[in-house]
Amino acid sequence: MSMTDDQFDEYLDYCYENLEEKQEILNKEYGIGDFQEYWYDQETSKIQFKNDGKVLLEFSVVFIGSWSNKSNTWLWAWANNSMTDEVKEQSSILKELKSITGFDIFTKEYFDCDEAMAHELTAFAVEHLRAKGMYISPDDKRKLFMALIHPLP
């Protein structure tokens, strides 16, 4: 069973609106955007937010994918050879979005993608993972998108 283009667009709007609300809550409750630095670890699937070198907040994460602003392409985390096997395995749950939507884009490893579409893919992923929101690790060449699953004590 596949969604029609209209159903897909409605589902995208739903996921995107939810993501925006989640990001607002993350900013209000946790001040996600206010930390001096962050550090993530593939081995433990967590991200830490720090001020003055001190960890003030930790979240468990699922890596979603990366977007290159040089080539305007998307690479799913489950297909990324620079990711650990554990990360790839955790991320591979996102392939289920193909059976939900009927759209091949969720099982295609690598494809042309603009930044707006990278955010849309992330909205689908955050919704599917029932995550608290997303975090984007900025880099000169690419941005790594992560789903923030839950805060760690």
N, C-alpha and C. Protein backbone atom coordinates (compact mmCIF):
# COMPACT_ATOMS: atom_id res chain seq x y z
N MET A 1 0.84 -1.19 0.00
CA MET A 1 0.00 0.00 0.00
C MET A 1 0.88 1.25 0.00
N SER A 2 0.55 2.17 -0.87
CA SER A 2 1.31 3.41 -0.95
C SER A 2 0.41 4.60 -0.71
N MET A 3 1.01 5.65 -0.23
CA MET A 3 0.29 6.91 -0.09
C MET A 3 0.22 7.57 -1.47
N THR A 4 -0.82 8.32 -1.69
CA THR A 4 -0.86 9.17 -2.88
C THR A 4 0.07 10.36 -2.61
N ASP A 5 0.38 11.13 -3.63
CA ASP A 5 1.21 12.31 -3.44
C ASP A 5 0.56 13.26 -2.43
N ASP A 6 -0.76 13.39 -2.52
CA ASP A 6 -1.48 14.27 -1.58
C ASP A 6 -1.37 13.77 -0.14
N GLN A 7 -1.55 12.46 0.05
CA GLN A 7 -1.43 11.88 1.39
C GLN A 7 -0.01 12.06 1.93
N PHE A 8 0.97 11.87 1.05
CA PHE A 8 2.37 12.03 1.43
C PHE A 8 2.61 13.47 1.89
N ASP A 9 2.10 14.43 1.12
CA ASP A 9 2.26 15.85 1.47
C ASP A 9 1.59 16.17 2.80
N GLU A 10 0.40 15.59 3.03
CA GLU A 10 -0.30 15.81 4.30
C GLU A 10 0.49 15.23 5.47
N TYR A 11 1.04 14.03 5.26
CA TYR A 11 1.84 13.38 6.30
C TYR A 11 3.11 14.21 6.57
N LEU A 12 3.71 14.72 5.50
CA LEU A 12 4.90 15.57 5.66
C LEU A 12 4.54 16.82 6.47
N ASP A 13 3.44 17.46 6.13
CA ASP A 13 3.02 18.66 6.88
C ASP A 13 2.83 18.34 8.36
N TYR A 14 2.20 17.20 8.62
CA TYR A 14 1.96 16.75 9.99
C TYR A 14 3.29 16.56 10.72
N CYS A 15 4.21 15.83 10.10
CA CYS A 15 5.52 15.55 10.71
C CYS A 15 6.30 16.84 10.92
N TYR A 16 6.23 17.74 9.95
CA TYR A 16 7.00 18.97 10.00
C TYR A 16 6.48 19.89 11.11
N GLU A 17 5.16 19.98 11.20
CA GLU A 17 4.56 20.80 12.28
C GLU A 17 4.92 20.24 13.64
N ASN A 18 4.87 18.91 13.78
CA ASN A 18 5.26 18.27 15.04
C ASN A 18 6.72 18.57 15.37
N LEU A 19 7.57 18.50 14.35
CA LEU A 19 8.99 18.76 14.57
C LEU A 19 9.21 20.20 15.04
N GLU A 20 8.52 21.13 14.42
CA GLU A 20 8.67 22.54 14.83
C GLU A 20 8.25 22.73 16.29
N GLU A 21 7.14 22.09 16.67
CA GLU A 21 6.69 22.17 18.08
C GLU A 21 7.72 21.54 19.01
N LYS A 22 8.26 20.39 18.61
CA LYS A 22 9.26 19.71 19.43
C LYS A 22 10.51 20.57 19.60
N GLN A 23 10.92 21.23 18.53
CA GLN A 23 12.13 22.08 18.60
C GLN A 23 11.90 23.26 19.54
N GLU A 24 10.69 23.81 19.50
CA GLU A 24 10.34 24.92 20.43
C GLU A 24 10.45 24.45 21.87
N ILE A 25 9.91 23.27 22.16
CA ILE A 25 9.96 22.71 23.51
C ILE A 25 11.41 22.46 23.92
N LEU A 26 12.22 21.90 23.01
CA LEU A 26 13.64 21.65 23.31
C LEU A 26 14.35 22.95 23.67
N ASN A 27 14.03 24.01 22.91
CA ASN A 27 14.66 25.30 23.19
C ASN A 27 14.20 25.87 24.52
N LYS A 28 12.88 25.77 24.79
CA LYS A 28 12.34 26.31 26.04
C LYS A 28 12.80 25.53 27.26
N GLU A 29 12.64 24.20 27.19
CA GLU A 29 12.92 23.36 28.37
C GLU A 29 14.40 23.09 28.60
N TYR A 30 15.15 22.99 27.51
CA TYR A 30 16.55 22.57 27.64
C TYR A 30 17.55 23.61 27.14
N GLY A 31 17.07 24.65 26.45
CA GLY A 31 17.98 25.65 25.90
C GLY A 31 18.98 25.05 24.93
N ILE A 32 18.51 24.12 24.10
CA ILE A 32 19.40 23.39 23.19
C ILE A 32 20.33 24.31 22.40
N GLY A 33 19.84 25.44 21.95
CA GLY A 33 20.66 26.32 21.13
C GLY A 33 21.62 27.21 21.90
N ASP A 34 21.60 27.13 23.24
CA ASP A 34 22.34 28.09 24.07
C ASP A 34 23.69 27.58 24.59
N PHE A 35 24.08 26.35 24.21
CA PHE A 35 25.32 25.80 24.75
C PHE A 35 26.52 26.22 23.90
N GLN A 36 27.67 26.33 24.54
CA GLN A 36 28.89 26.75 23.85
C GLN A 36 29.41 25.66 22.92
N GLU A 37 29.26 24.42 23.36
CA GLU A 37 29.79 23.33 22.53
C GLU A 37 28.96 22.06 22.73
N TYR A 38 29.16 21.15 21.81
CA TYR A 38 28.51 19.85 21.91
C TYR A 38 29.52 18.81 21.48
N TRP A 39 29.24 17.58 21.84
CA TRP A 39 30.10 16.47 21.47
C TRP A 39 29.22 15.25 21.33
N TYR A 40 29.40 14.51 20.26
CA TYR A 40 28.60 13.29 20.12
C TYR A 40 29.51 12.09 19.96
N ASP A 41 28.99 10.95 20.34
CA ASP A 41 29.76 9.72 20.34
C ASP A 41 28.95 8.62 19.67
N GLN A 42 29.49 8.10 18.58
CA GLN A 42 28.78 7.01 17.88
C GLN A 42 28.75 5.74 18.72
N GLU A 43 29.82 5.49 19.47
CA GLU A 43 29.90 4.24 20.25
C GLU A 43 28.76 4.13 21.26
N THR A 44 28.42 5.25 21.90
CA THR A 44 27.39 5.23 22.94
C THR A 44 26.06 5.80 22.46
N SER A 45 26.03 6.30 21.21
CA SER A 45 24.83 6.93 20.64
C SER A 45 24.28 8.01 21.57
N LYS A 46 25.16 8.93 21.95
CA LYS A 46 24.69 10.04 22.76
C LYS A 46 25.38 11.33 22.34
N ILE A 47 24.72 12.42 22.71
CA ILE A 47 25.27 13.75 22.47
C ILE A 47 25.30 14.48 23.81
N GLN A 48 26.36 15.24 23.99
CA GLN A 48 26.50 16.03 25.22
C GLN A 48 26.55 17.51 24.83
N PHE A 49 25.91 18.33 25.65
CA PHE A 49 25.96 19.78 25.48
C PHE A 49 26.73 20.36 26.65
N LYS A 50 27.68 21.25 26.35
CA LYS A 50 28.60 21.73 27.37
C LYS A 50 28.71 23.26 27.39
N ASN A 51 28.99 23.78 28.57
CA ASN A 51 29.44 25.16 28.76
C ASN A 51 30.70 25.10 29.60
N ASP A 52 31.70 25.86 29.21
CA ASP A 52 32.99 25.88 29.91
C ASP A 52 33.53 24.46 30.13
N GLY A 53 33.34 23.62 29.14
CA GLY A 53 33.87 22.25 29.20
C GLY A 53 33.08 21.31 30.09
N LYS A 54 32.05 21.82 30.75
CA LYS A 54 31.26 21.00 31.67
C LYS A 54 29.99 20.50 30.99
N VAL A 55 29.75 19.19 31.08
CA VAL A 55 28.54 18.60 30.48
C VAL A 55 27.32 19.01 31.30
N LEU A 56 26.38 19.68 30.66
CA LEU A 56 25.17 20.13 31.35
C LEU A 56 23.92 19.38 30.90
N LEU A 57 24.01 18.73 29.74
CA LEU A 57 22.85 18.04 29.20
C LEU A 57 23.32 16.92 28.29
N GLU A 58 22.67 15.76 28.39
CA GLU A 58 22.98 14.63 27.53
C GLU A 58 21.69 14.04 26.97
N PHE A 59 21.72 13.64 25.73
CA PHE A 59 20.60 12.96 25.09
C PHE A 59 21.08 11.69 24.42
N SER A 60 20.26 10.67 24.43
CA SER A 60 20.53 9.53 23.55
C SER A 60 20.08 9.96 22.15
N VAL A 61 20.77 9.49 21.13
CA VAL A 61 20.47 9.90 19.77
C VAL A 61 20.38 8.71 18.83
N VAL A 62 19.66 8.93 17.74
CA VAL A 62 19.74 8.05 16.57
C VAL A 62 20.20 8.94 15.44
N PHE A 63 21.27 8.54 14.77
CA PHE A 63 21.77 9.31 13.64
C PHE A 63 20.85 9.07 12.45
N ILE A 64 20.44 10.17 11.82
CA ILE A 64 19.47 10.08 10.72
C ILE A 64 20.19 10.05 9.37
N GLY A 65 20.98 11.07 9.11
CA GLY A 65 21.68 11.14 7.84
C GLY A 65 22.48 12.42 7.75
N SER A 66 23.17 12.58 6.64
CA SER A 66 23.97 13.79 6.46
C SER A 66 23.67 14.42 5.11
N TRP A 67 23.73 15.74 5.12
CA TRP A 67 23.47 16.52 3.91
C TRP A 67 24.73 17.30 3.56
N SER A 68 25.14 17.20 2.31
CA SER A 68 26.33 17.91 1.85
C SER A 68 25.90 19.17 1.11
N ASN A 69 26.42 20.32 1.56
CA ASN A 69 26.07 21.55 0.86
C ASN A 69 26.98 21.76 -0.36
N LYS A 70 28.02 20.95 -0.47
CA LYS A 70 28.89 21.04 -1.66
C LYS A 70 28.24 20.34 -2.85
N SER A 71 27.74 19.13 -2.60
CA SER A 71 27.17 18.34 -3.69
C SER A 71 25.65 18.35 -3.69
N ASN A 72 25.04 18.99 -2.66
CA ASN A 72 23.58 19.00 -2.54
C ASN A 72 23.02 17.57 -2.59
N THR A 73 23.56 16.74 -1.69
CA THR A 73 23.13 15.34 -1.64
C THR A 73 22.85 14.92 -0.21
N TRP A 74 22.05 13.87 -0.09
CA TRP A 74 21.70 13.28 1.20
C TRP A 74 22.25 11.86 1.24
N LEU A 75 22.78 11.47 2.41
CA LEU A 75 23.23 10.11 2.64
C LEU A 75 22.64 9.65 3.97
N TRP A 76 21.82 8.59 3.93
CA TRP A 76 21.25 8.05 5.15
C TRP A 76 22.36 7.52 6.06
N ALA A 77 22.19 7.64 7.36
CA ALA A 77 23.20 7.15 8.31
C ALA A 77 23.40 5.63 8.16
N TRP A 78 22.33 4.90 7.85
CA TRP A 78 22.44 3.44 7.72
C TRP A 78 23.28 3.03 6.51
N ALA A 79 23.54 3.97 5.61
CA ALA A 79 24.33 3.68 4.41
C ALA A 79 25.72 4.32 4.47
N ASN A 80 26.02 5.00 5.56
CA ASN A 80 27.24 5.79 5.67
C ASN A 80 28.38 4.94 6.24
N ASN A 81 29.41 4.73 5.43
CA ASN A 81 30.53 3.87 5.85
C ASN A 81 31.37 4.47 6.96
N SER A 82 31.20 5.77 7.24
CA SER A 82 31.96 6.36 8.35
C SER A 82 31.22 6.19 9.68
N MET A 83 30.05 5.57 9.63
CA MET A 83 29.29 5.29 10.86
C MET A 83 29.61 3.88 11.36
N THR A 84 29.47 3.69 12.67
CA THR A 84 29.69 2.36 13.25
C THR A 84 28.55 1.42 12.85
N ASP A 85 28.80 0.13 12.98
CA ASP A 85 27.75 -0.85 12.66
C ASP A 85 26.52 -0.66 13.55
N GLU A 86 26.74 -0.32 14.82
CA GLU A 86 25.61 -0.08 15.73
C GLU A 86 24.76 1.09 15.27
N VAL A 87 25.43 2.17 14.88
CA VAL A 87 24.71 3.34 14.39
C VAL A 87 23.90 2.98 13.15
N LYS A 88 24.52 2.24 12.24
CA LYS A 88 23.82 1.85 11.01
C LYS A 88 22.60 0.99 11.33
N GLU A 89 22.77 0.07 12.30
CA GLU A 89 21.67 -0.80 12.67
C GLU A 89 20.52 0.00 13.28
N GLN A 90 20.84 0.92 14.21
CA GLN A 90 19.80 1.75 14.83
C GLN A 90 19.08 2.60 13.77
N SER A 91 19.86 3.13 12.85
CA SER A 91 19.31 4.01 11.83
C SER A 91 18.47 3.26 10.80
N SER A 92 18.75 1.98 10.62
CA SER A 92 18.07 1.22 9.57
C SER A 92 16.56 1.10 9.81
N ILE A 93 16.11 1.37 11.03
CA ILE A 93 14.66 1.38 11.30
C ILE A 93 13.95 2.40 10.42
N LEU A 94 14.69 3.42 9.99
CA LEU A 94 14.08 4.47 9.16
C LEU A 94 13.68 3.96 7.78
N LYS A 95 14.22 2.82 7.37
CA LYS A 95 13.80 2.22 6.10
C LYS A 95 12.32 1.83 6.14
N GLU A 96 11.78 1.64 7.36
CA GLU A 96 10.36 1.31 7.50
C GLU A 96 9.47 2.40 6.91
N LEU A 97 10.00 3.61 6.80
CA LEU A 97 9.20 4.70 6.23
C LEU A 97 8.83 4.42 4.78
N LYS A 98 9.58 3.56 4.10
CA LYS A 98 9.20 3.20 2.73
C LYS A 98 7.90 2.41 2.74
N SER A 99 7.77 1.44 3.66
CA SER A 99 6.53 0.64 3.67
C SER A 99 5.35 1.47 4.17
N ILE A 100 5.63 2.48 4.99
CA ILE A 100 4.55 3.35 5.47
C ILE A 100 4.07 4.29 4.36
N THR A 101 5.02 4.85 3.63
CA THR A 101 4.67 5.86 2.62
C THR A 101 4.59 5.31 1.21
N GLY A 102 5.32 4.22 0.95
CA GLY A 102 5.40 3.71 -0.42
C GLY A 102 6.45 4.43 -1.25
N PHE A 103 7.20 5.35 -0.63
CA PHE A 103 8.19 6.13 -1.37
C PHE A 103 9.59 5.54 -1.20
N ASP A 104 10.25 5.30 -2.35
CA ASP A 104 11.57 4.65 -2.38
C ASP A 104 12.67 5.47 -1.72
N ILE A 105 12.45 6.75 -1.57
CA ILE A 105 13.50 7.64 -1.05
C ILE A 105 14.03 7.19 0.30
N PHE A 106 13.21 6.46 1.05
CA PHE A 106 13.62 6.02 2.39
C PHE A 106 14.51 4.77 2.37
N THR A 107 14.65 4.15 1.20
CA THR A 107 15.55 3.00 1.09
C THR A 107 16.66 3.24 0.07
N LYS A 108 16.68 4.43 -0.50
CA LYS A 108 17.74 4.80 -1.44
C LYS A 108 18.88 5.41 -0.64
N GLU A 109 20.06 4.83 -0.71
CA GLU A 109 21.17 5.22 0.17
C GLU A 109 21.57 6.68 0.03
N TYR A 110 21.59 7.17 -1.20
CA TYR A 110 22.26 8.44 -1.51
C TYR A 110 21.54 9.08 -2.68
N PHE A 111 21.23 10.37 -2.59
CA PHE A 111 20.50 11.01 -3.69
C PHE A 111 20.61 12.52 -3.61
N ASP A 112 20.27 13.17 -4.73
CA ASP A 112 20.26 14.63 -4.79
C ASP A 112 19.22 15.17 -3.82
N CYS A 113 19.57 16.23 -3.11
CA CYS A 113 18.70 16.72 -2.04
C CYS A 113 19.12 18.13 -1.68
N ASP A 114 18.14 19.04 -1.57
CA ASP A 114 18.48 20.38 -1.09
C ASP A 114 18.29 20.44 0.43
N GLU A 115 18.67 21.56 1.02
CA GLU A 115 18.63 21.63 2.49
C GLU A 115 17.22 21.53 3.03
N ALA A 116 16.26 22.11 2.32
CA ALA A 116 14.86 22.04 2.77
C ALA A 116 14.39 20.59 2.82
N MET A 117 14.77 19.82 1.80
CA MET A 117 14.37 18.41 1.75
C MET A 117 15.06 17.63 2.88
N ALA A 118 16.31 17.97 3.21
CA ALA A 118 17.01 17.31 4.32
C ALA A 118 16.23 17.50 5.62
N HIS A 119 15.67 18.70 5.81
CA HIS A 119 14.85 18.96 7.00
C HIS A 119 13.55 18.15 6.95
N GLU A 120 12.99 18.00 5.75
CA GLU A 120 11.75 17.22 5.62
C GLU A 120 12.00 15.74 5.95
N LEU A 121 13.10 15.20 5.43
CA LEU A 121 13.44 13.80 5.73
C LEU A 121 13.62 13.61 7.23
N THR A 122 14.24 14.62 7.85
CA THR A 122 14.46 14.57 9.30
C THR A 122 13.14 14.63 10.05
N ALA A 123 12.18 15.40 9.55
CA ALA A 123 10.86 15.48 10.18
C ALA A 123 10.18 14.10 10.17
N PHE A 124 10.25 13.42 9.02
CA PHE A 124 9.71 12.06 8.94
C PHE A 124 10.40 11.14 9.95
N ALA A 125 11.73 11.24 10.01
CA ALA A 125 12.52 10.36 10.88
C ALA A 125 12.20 10.61 12.36
N VAL A 126 12.15 11.88 12.76
CA VAL A 126 11.86 12.23 14.16
C VAL A 126 10.49 11.69 14.56
N GLU A 127 9.52 11.84 13.66
CA GLU A 127 8.17 11.33 13.93
C GLU A 127 8.19 9.81 14.07
N HIS A 128 8.86 9.14 13.14
CA HIS A 128 8.89 7.68 13.14
C HIS A 128 9.59 7.13 14.39
N LEU A 129 10.61 7.82 14.84
CA LEU A 129 11.37 7.39 16.01
C LEU A 129 10.73 7.83 17.33
N ARG A 130 9.65 8.63 17.22
CA ARG A 130 9.00 9.24 18.39
C ARG A 130 10.03 9.99 19.24
N ALA A 131 10.92 10.70 18.55
CA ALA A 131 12.00 11.43 19.21
C ALA A 131 11.50 12.76 19.76
N LYS A 132 12.31 13.35 20.63
CA LYS A 132 11.98 14.65 21.24
C LYS A 132 12.25 15.81 20.28
N GLY A 133 13.02 15.53 19.24
CA GLY A 133 13.37 16.57 18.28
C GLY A 133 14.64 16.20 17.54
N MET A 134 15.29 17.21 16.97
CA MET A 134 16.49 16.94 16.19
C MET A 134 17.62 17.87 16.62
N TYR A 135 18.82 17.47 16.25
CA TYR A 135 19.97 18.35 16.38
C TYR A 135 20.79 18.20 15.11
N ILE A 136 21.29 19.32 14.62
CA ILE A 136 22.09 19.31 13.41
C ILE A 136 23.51 19.70 13.80
N SER A 137 24.44 18.82 13.51
CA SER A 137 25.84 19.09 13.77
C SER A 137 26.41 19.80 12.54
N PRO A 138 26.72 21.09 12.68
CA PRO A 138 27.17 21.84 11.51
C PRO A 138 28.65 21.58 11.22
N ASP A 139 28.99 21.66 9.97
CA ASP A 139 30.33 21.39 9.51
C ASP A 139 30.48 22.23 8.24
N ASP A 140 31.68 22.50 7.83
CA ASP A 140 31.86 23.30 6.60
C ASP A 140 31.31 22.60 5.37
N LYS A 141 31.52 21.30 5.31
CA LYS A 141 31.15 20.57 4.10
C LYS A 141 29.80 19.88 4.17
N ARG A 142 29.39 19.51 5.38
CA ARG A 142 28.14 18.76 5.50
C ARG A 142 27.52 19.00 6.86
N LYS A 143 26.24 18.65 6.96
CA LYS A 143 25.53 18.73 8.24
C LYS A 143 25.04 17.34 8.58
N LEU A 144 25.26 16.95 9.83
CA LEU A 144 24.82 15.65 10.31
C LEU A 144 23.55 15.83 11.11
N PHE A 145 22.49 15.16 10.70
CA PHE A 145 21.19 15.26 11.36
C PHE A 145 21.02 14.10 12.33
N MET A 146 20.62 14.44 13.57
CA MET A 146 20.41 13.44 14.61
C MET A 146 19.03 13.61 15.22
N ALA A 147 18.43 12.51 15.59
CA ALA A 147 17.18 12.54 16.36
C ALA A 147 17.53 12.47 17.84
N LEU A 148 17.04 13.43 18.62
CA LEU A 148 17.24 13.41 20.07
C LEU A 148 16.14 12.55 20.67
N ILE A 149 16.52 11.39 21.19
CA ILE A 149 15.50 10.42 21.64
C ILE A 149 14.99 10.77 23.04
N HIS A 150 15.86 10.81 24.02
CA HIS A 150 15.41 11.24 25.36
C HIS A 150 16.61 11.73 26.13
N PRO A 151 16.37 12.66 27.07
CA PRO A 151 17.47 13.17 27.90
C PRO A 151 17.97 12.07 28.84
N LEU A 152 19.26 12.09 29.08
CA LEU A 152 19.84 11.10 30.00
C LEU A 152 20.00 11.75 31.37
N PRO A 153 19.84 10.96 32.43
CA PRO A 153 19.92 11.54 33.78
C PRO A 153 21.32 12.09 34.08
